Amino acid sequence: MELRHLRYFLAIVEFNNLSRAAEKMCVAQSTLSHALRQLEEELDIVLFDRVGRTIRLTQAGRVFHDYAARTCNETMRAKRAMQELNELDAGTFTLGAIPVFPLSFLPGAVSSFNQRYPKVRIVVQDLLTAELEEKLALGTLDLGIAFHPASRNDVESEYLFTERLVLAVGRDHPFAQKHRIQWKTLDSIPLALLAPKFSTRILIEDAFTAAKVQPRVVVEMDTTVSLLAVAAEGKLATIVPERAGAGFECINLIPITHPELSRKLGLLWPKGTGRTRAVMTFADMLKDVSTNVRHGQKT
């Protein structure tokens, strides 16, 4: 089995069409078909069902796809690692982060890394936790920033810091002058919260349930920035990570008690895979920033 066979296979999966896959790989369609037959003969299994010009993965093909993707991604990692062995003067790495990650944390680290290593390209993807962990397991992400610990056995996680969730209100909100507030009190105000698909929303709902409170959720949004912008108008309150709201001058942040709600954040890695020098260097910078976070210093 040759690496090119795996790359051809992945291209066919991407397009479900031999002609388009051949165009992407810059080979003749007959070459692609021959390589696919060789691969199926070597594996002694049918990888695709063929219906007219369209081909689709069989059950065996779907299983093989994960292994093929990992193999090709690991090969790319190895090549990048060799390129970067002496100096961080080339290469690309892909970072996944949950959308509600503290706004003051990641941008600063990305900017600092770029200033030191301007020839290294960083691709940042906003992902939900489950999707982020799946991409790490498949090898399509080099590093993730999400909840600690990871929920999958094929993903490793390393603790960074604990983030408290707080009530965020505009300066004219009735609760703006409160120094703390209990969950049971929040049933009296309309709330803007993250959509139910987010892990943070699930944490918030669990806290309301524990307090035997039915929240009045009147707005649902997909980003923390949008929630804070709505809260700044003064009519609605929201619940966000404390550091996410720290940069909004027109927002008051109020601790919520009974219970106090927090979440642990960490670095996530594909388990048992190599890590390039660029990824390790960036991870070390994130760890340095997280140390400041744990000690309450400004990043």
Protein backbone atom coordinates (compact mmCIF):
# COMPACT_ATOMS: atom_id res chain seq x y z
CA MET A 1 0.00 0.00 0.00
CA GLU A 2 1.44 3.35 -1.06
CA LEU A 3 0.75 6.78 0.40
CA ARG A 4 -0.49 8.02 -2.97
CA HIS A 5 -3.19 5.33 -2.89
CA LEU A 6 -4.47 6.76 0.39
CA ARG A 7 -4.44 10.30 -1.00
CA TYR A 8 -6.36 9.16 -4.07
CA PHE A 9 -8.84 7.38 -1.81
CA LEU A 10 -9.41 10.52 0.30
CA ALA A 11 -9.92 12.64 -2.83
CA ILE A 12 -12.57 10.21 -4.09
CA VAL A 13 -14.32 10.38 -0.71
CA GLU A 14 -14.27 14.19 -0.84
CA PHE A 15 -16.03 14.41 -4.23
CA ASN A 16 -17.88 11.07 -4.54
CA ASN A 17 -16.83 11.30 -8.17
CA LEU A 18 -13.80 9.81 -9.94
CA SER A 19 -13.54 12.54 -12.56
CA ARG A 20 -13.48 15.42 -10.08
CA ALA A 21 -11.12 13.54 -7.76
CA ALA A 22 -8.75 12.94 -10.68
CA GLU A 23 -8.79 16.66 -11.51
CA LYS A 24 -7.87 17.55 -7.94
CA MET A 25 -5.01 15.04 -7.86
CA CYS A 26 -3.83 16.06 -11.37
CA VAL A 27 -3.93 12.50 -12.72
CA ALA A 28 -5.91 10.72 -15.40
CA GLN A 29 -9.19 9.16 -14.32
CA SER A 30 -7.92 5.78 -15.50
CA THR A 31 -4.90 6.14 -13.19
CA LEU A 32 -7.20 6.88 -10.27
CA SER A 33 -9.47 3.92 -11.08
CA HIS A 34 -6.48 1.59 -11.36
CA ALA A 35 -5.08 2.78 -8.02
CA LEU A 36 -8.47 2.24 -6.36
CA ARG A 37 -8.67 -1.32 -7.71
CA GLN A 38 -5.16 -2.01 -6.42
CA LEU A 39 -6.11 -0.70 -2.98
CA GLU A 40 -9.29 -2.77 -2.81
CA GLU A 41 -7.43 -5.89 -3.97
CA GLU A 42 -4.72 -5.39 -1.36
CA LEU A 43 -7.30 -4.90 1.40
CA ASP A 44 -9.52 -7.65 -0.02
CA ILE A 45 -12.55 -5.46 0.57
CA VAL A 46 -14.90 -3.25 -1.46
CA LEU A 47 -14.48 0.37 -0.37
CA PHE A 48 -17.11 2.03 -2.60
CA ASP A 49 -20.56 1.30 -3.97
CA ARG A 50 -20.73 2.49 -7.58
CA VAL A 51 -24.02 3.93 -8.87
CA GLY A 52 -23.63 5.47 -12.31
CA ARG A 53 -21.04 8.22 -12.09
CA THR A 54 -21.48 8.56 -8.35
CA ILE A 55 -19.62 6.40 -5.86
CA ARG A 56 -20.20 6.22 -2.13
CA LEU A 57 -18.36 4.62 0.75
CA THR A 58 -19.37 1.18 1.92
CA GLN A 59 -19.44 0.44 5.64
CA ALA A 60 -15.90 -0.94 5.36
CA GLY A 61 -14.89 2.16 3.42
CA ARG A 62 -16.10 4.42 6.22
CA VAL A 63 -13.98 2.51 8.74
CA PHE A 64 -10.94 2.64 6.46
CA HIS A 65 -11.44 6.38 5.87
CA ASP A 66 -10.55 7.30 9.46
CA TYR A 67 -7.30 5.34 9.30
CA ALA A 68 -6.38 6.74 5.89
CA ALA A 69 -7.03 10.31 7.04
CA ARG A 70 -4.90 9.83 10.15
CA THR A 71 -2.06 8.30 8.15
CA CYS A 72 -1.97 11.13 5.62
CA ASN A 73 -2.24 13.78 8.31
CA GLU A 74 0.56 12.19 10.34
CA THR A 75 2.74 12.12 7.23
CA MET A 76 2.10 15.82 6.69
CA ARG A 77 2.98 16.47 10.34
CA ALA A 78 6.24 14.59 9.91
CA LYS A 79 7.18 16.65 6.87
CA ARG A 80 6.36 19.88 8.68
CA ALA A 81 8.38 18.78 11.70
CA MET A 82 11.42 18.17 9.51
CA GLN A 83 11.02 21.59 7.90
CA GLU A 84 10.88 23.28 11.28
CA LEU A 85 13.59 21.22 12.94
CA ASN A 86 16.22 23.96 12.89
CA GLU A 87 14.21 27.19 12.94
CA LEU A 88 10.61 28.33 13.08
CA ASP A 89 10.81 29.93 9.66
CA ALA A 90 8.07 28.06 7.79
CA GLY A 91 5.02 25.88 8.14
CA THR A 92 1.39 26.01 9.19
CA PHE A 93 -0.52 24.67 12.15
CA THR A 94 -4.24 24.54 12.80
CA LEU A 95 -5.75 25.49 16.14
CA GLY A 96 -9.32 24.84 17.23
CA ALA A 97 -10.97 26.89 19.99
CA ILE A 98 -14.44 26.90 21.49
CA PRO A 99 -16.23 30.15 20.50
CA VAL A 100 -16.76 31.28 24.10
CA PHE A 101 -13.07 31.12 24.95
CA PRO A 102 -11.90 34.27 26.79
CA LEU A 103 -11.51 37.11 24.32
CA SER A 104 -8.44 38.54 26.05
CA PHE A 105 -6.57 35.24 26.11
CA LEU A 106 -6.22 33.76 22.63
CA PRO A 107 -5.83 36.92 20.49
CA GLY A 108 -2.91 38.13 22.60
CA ALA A 109 -1.09 34.81 22.30
CA VAL A 110 -1.65 34.68 18.53
CA SER A 111 -0.35 38.24 18.14
CA SER A 112 2.75 37.57 20.26
CA PHE A 113 3.55 34.38 18.36
CA ASN A 114 3.19 36.15 15.02
CA GLN A 115 5.55 38.93 16.10
CA ARG A 116 8.24 36.39 17.03
CA TYR A 117 7.68 33.94 14.18
CA PRO A 118 6.08 35.87 11.30
CA LYS A 119 6.76 33.12 8.73
CA VAL A 120 4.67 30.54 10.57
CA ARG A 121 1.00 30.57 9.55
CA ILE A 122 -1.70 29.92 12.16
CA VAL A 123 -5.18 28.79 11.13
CA VAL A 124 -7.74 29.26 13.93
CA GLN A 125 -11.13 27.53 13.76
CA ASP A 126 -14.08 28.28 16.05
CA LEU A 127 -15.61 24.90 16.88
CA LEU A 128 -18.07 23.35 19.28
CA THR A 129 -16.46 21.05 21.84
CA ALA A 130 -17.58 17.76 20.26
CA GLU A 131 -16.49 18.82 16.78
CA LEU A 132 -13.16 20.10 18.08
CA GLU A 133 -12.36 16.81 19.82
CA GLU A 134 -13.39 14.81 16.76
CA LYS A 135 -11.07 16.83 14.52
CA LEU A 136 -8.22 16.33 16.97
CA ALA A 137 -8.82 12.58 16.99
CA LEU A 138 -8.82 12.49 13.19
CA GLY A 139 -5.64 14.56 13.03
CA THR A 140 -7.11 17.53 11.16
CA LEU A 141 -6.33 19.83 14.11
CA ASP A 142 -2.90 20.21 15.69
CA LEU A 143 -4.07 21.76 18.95
CA GLY A 144 -7.31 22.62 20.70
CA ILE A 145 -8.40 25.01 23.44
CA ALA A 146 -11.55 23.77 25.15
CA PHE A 147 -12.93 22.27 28.34
CA HIS A 148 -10.65 20.18 30.54
CA PRO A 149 -10.61 17.21 30.74
CA ALA A 150 -11.39 15.99 27.23
CA SER A 151 -14.36 13.65 26.88
CA ARG A 152 -12.67 11.29 24.39
CA ASN A 153 -10.05 8.66 25.16
CA ASP A 154 -8.12 9.45 21.98
CA VAL A 155 -7.64 13.10 22.96
CA GLU A 156 -5.27 14.32 25.68
CA SER A 157 -5.83 17.48 27.71
CA GLU A 158 -3.61 19.66 29.88
CA TYR A 159 -5.14 22.03 32.44
CA LEU A 160 -4.71 25.78 31.87
CA PHE A 161 -6.98 27.62 34.32
CA THR A 162 -10.47 27.80 35.81
CA GLU A 163 -12.92 30.40 34.52
CA ARG A 164 -15.85 31.70 36.59
CA LEU A 165 -19.20 32.43 34.94
CA VAL A 166 -20.82 35.72 35.95
CA LEU A 167 -23.92 37.79 35.26
CA ALA A 168 -23.22 40.60 32.79
CA VAL A 169 -25.54 43.63 32.68
CA GLY A 170 -25.47 47.13 31.24
CA ARG A 171 -24.89 50.16 33.46
CA ASP A 172 -28.62 51.01 33.43
CA HIS A 173 -29.87 47.52 34.27
CA PRO A 174 -31.79 47.16 37.59
CA PHE A 175 -29.14 44.73 38.85
CA ALA A 176 -26.17 46.87 37.81
CA GLN A 177 -25.26 47.95 41.36
CA LYS A 178 -25.47 44.51 42.95
CA HIS A 179 -22.24 43.03 44.29
CA ARG A 180 -23.41 39.42 44.02
CA ILE A 181 -26.58 37.57 43.14
CA GLN A 182 -28.05 34.09 43.61
CA TRP A 183 -29.33 31.86 40.83
CA LYS A 184 -32.82 31.78 42.34
CA THR A 185 -33.08 35.56 41.85
CA LEU A 186 -32.47 35.35 38.11
CA ASP A 187 -35.97 34.07 37.32
CA SER A 188 -37.21 37.66 37.58
CA ILE A 189 -35.23 39.06 34.62
CA PRO A 190 -35.15 38.34 30.87
CA LEU A 191 -31.91 36.70 29.73
CA ALA A 192 -29.88 36.43 26.56
CA LEU A 193 -27.87 33.18 26.52
CA LEU A 194 -25.79 31.04 24.22
CA ALA A 195 -27.75 28.57 22.09
CA PRO A 196 -28.47 25.11 23.60
CA LYS A 197 -25.80 23.47 21.40
CA PHE A 198 -23.01 25.03 23.49
CA SER A 199 -21.49 23.23 26.48
CA THR A 200 -21.52 26.48 28.46
CA ARG A 201 -25.29 26.74 28.00
CA ILE A 202 -25.66 23.20 29.34
CA LEU A 203 -23.65 24.17 32.44
CA ILE A 204 -25.90 27.19 32.94
CA GLU A 205 -29.09 25.15 32.55
CA ASP A 206 -27.79 22.61 35.09
CA ALA A 207 -27.16 25.44 37.57
CA PHE A 208 -30.71 26.74 37.12
CA THR A 209 -32.08 23.23 37.60
CA ALA A 210 -30.07 22.79 40.80
CA ALA A 211 -31.48 26.09 42.08
CA LYS A 212 -35.01 24.99 41.05
CA VAL A 213 -35.37 28.02 38.81
CA GLN A 214 -36.95 28.31 35.36
CA PRO A 215 -34.97 31.00 33.50
CA ARG A 216 -36.66 33.53 31.20
CA VAL A 217 -34.52 33.08 28.09
CA VAL A 218 -35.77 35.54 25.47
CA VAL A 219 -32.72 35.70 23.18
CA GLU A 220 -30.28 32.98 22.06
CA MET A 221 -27.05 33.75 20.21
CA ASP A 222 -23.92 31.97 19.01
CA THR A 223 -21.15 34.25 20.28
CA THR A 224 -20.18 35.79 23.61
CA VAL A 225 -19.42 39.10 21.91
CA SER A 226 -23.00 39.32 20.62
CA LEU A 227 -24.41 38.54 24.06
CA LEU A 228 -22.31 41.25 25.67
CA ALA A 229 -23.32 43.77 23.00
CA VAL A 230 -26.99 43.03 23.70
CA ALA A 231 -26.46 43.29 27.46
CA ALA A 232 -24.70 46.63 27.02
CA GLU A 233 -27.97 48.09 25.73
CA GLY A 234 -29.32 47.76 29.28
CA LYS A 235 -32.53 45.76 28.84
CA LEU A 236 -31.25 42.19 28.98
CA ALA A 237 -28.76 40.35 31.16
CA THR A 238 -26.48 37.51 30.10
CA ILE A 239 -24.18 34.93 31.70
CA VAL A 240 -20.63 34.77 30.34
CA PRO A 241 -17.07 33.81 31.34
CA GLU A 242 -15.72 36.53 33.63
CA ARG A 243 -12.70 37.40 31.49
CA ALA A 244 -14.80 37.61 28.33
CA GLY A 245 -16.73 40.53 29.79
CA ALA A 246 -13.74 42.27 31.34
CA GLY A 247 -12.98 44.25 28.18
CA PHE A 248 -16.42 45.88 27.96
CA GLU A 249 -16.38 49.21 29.82
CA CYS A 250 -20.16 49.61 29.68
CA ILE A 251 -20.77 46.20 31.27
CA ASN A 252 -21.00 45.37 34.98
CA LEU A 253 -19.98 41.84 35.98
CA ILE A 254 -21.74 40.33 39.00
CA PRO A 255 -20.68 37.05 40.67
CA ILE A 256 -23.44 34.43 40.87
CA THR A 257 -23.60 32.32 44.03
CA HIS A 258 -25.41 29.29 45.44
CA PRO A 259 -23.83 27.66 43.55
CA GLU A 260 -20.84 29.49 42.08
CA LEU A 261 -20.38 28.20 38.54
CA SER A 262 -17.00 27.70 36.87
CA ARG A 263 -15.39 25.63 34.14
CA LYS A 264 -11.89 24.30 33.62
CA LEU A 265 -10.15 25.12 30.37
CA GLY A 266 -7.20 23.33 28.87
CA LEU A 267 -5.00 22.50 25.90
CA LEU A 268 -6.16 19.48 23.91
CA TRP A 269 -3.91 17.29 21.78
CA PRO A 270 -4.38 14.31 19.47
CA LYS A 271 -3.31 11.38 21.64
CA GLY A 272 -0.11 9.57 20.73
CA THR A 273 0.87 11.80 17.81
CA GLY A 274 3.93 13.89 17.07
CA ARG A 275 3.91 17.61 17.81
CA THR A 276 5.75 20.13 15.68
CA ARG A 277 8.08 22.69 17.16
CA ALA A 278 5.70 25.49 16.16
CA VAL A 279 2.78 23.87 18.00
CA MET A 280 4.87 23.21 21.10
CA THR A 281 6.18 26.79 21.12
CA PHE A 282 2.69 28.24 20.78
CA ALA A 283 1.40 25.90 23.49
CA ASP A 284 4.16 27.09 25.82
CA MET A 285 3.09 30.70 25.19
CA LEU A 286 -0.50 29.80 26.06
CA LYS A 287 0.70 28.15 29.27
CA ASP A 288 2.63 31.29 30.22
CA VAL A 289 -0.47 33.43 29.66
CA SER A 290 -2.62 30.99 31.64
CA THR A 291 -0.21 31.27 34.57
CA ASN A 292 -0.93 35.01 34.62
CA VAL A 293 -4.66 34.25 34.47
CA ARG A 294 -4.43 31.94 37.47
CA HIS A 295 -2.62 34.65 39.42
CA GLY A 296 -5.14 37.30 38.43
CA GLN A 297 -2.79 39.32 36.25
CA LYS A 298 -3.82 41.12 33.10
CA THR A 299 -2.80 39.37 29.85
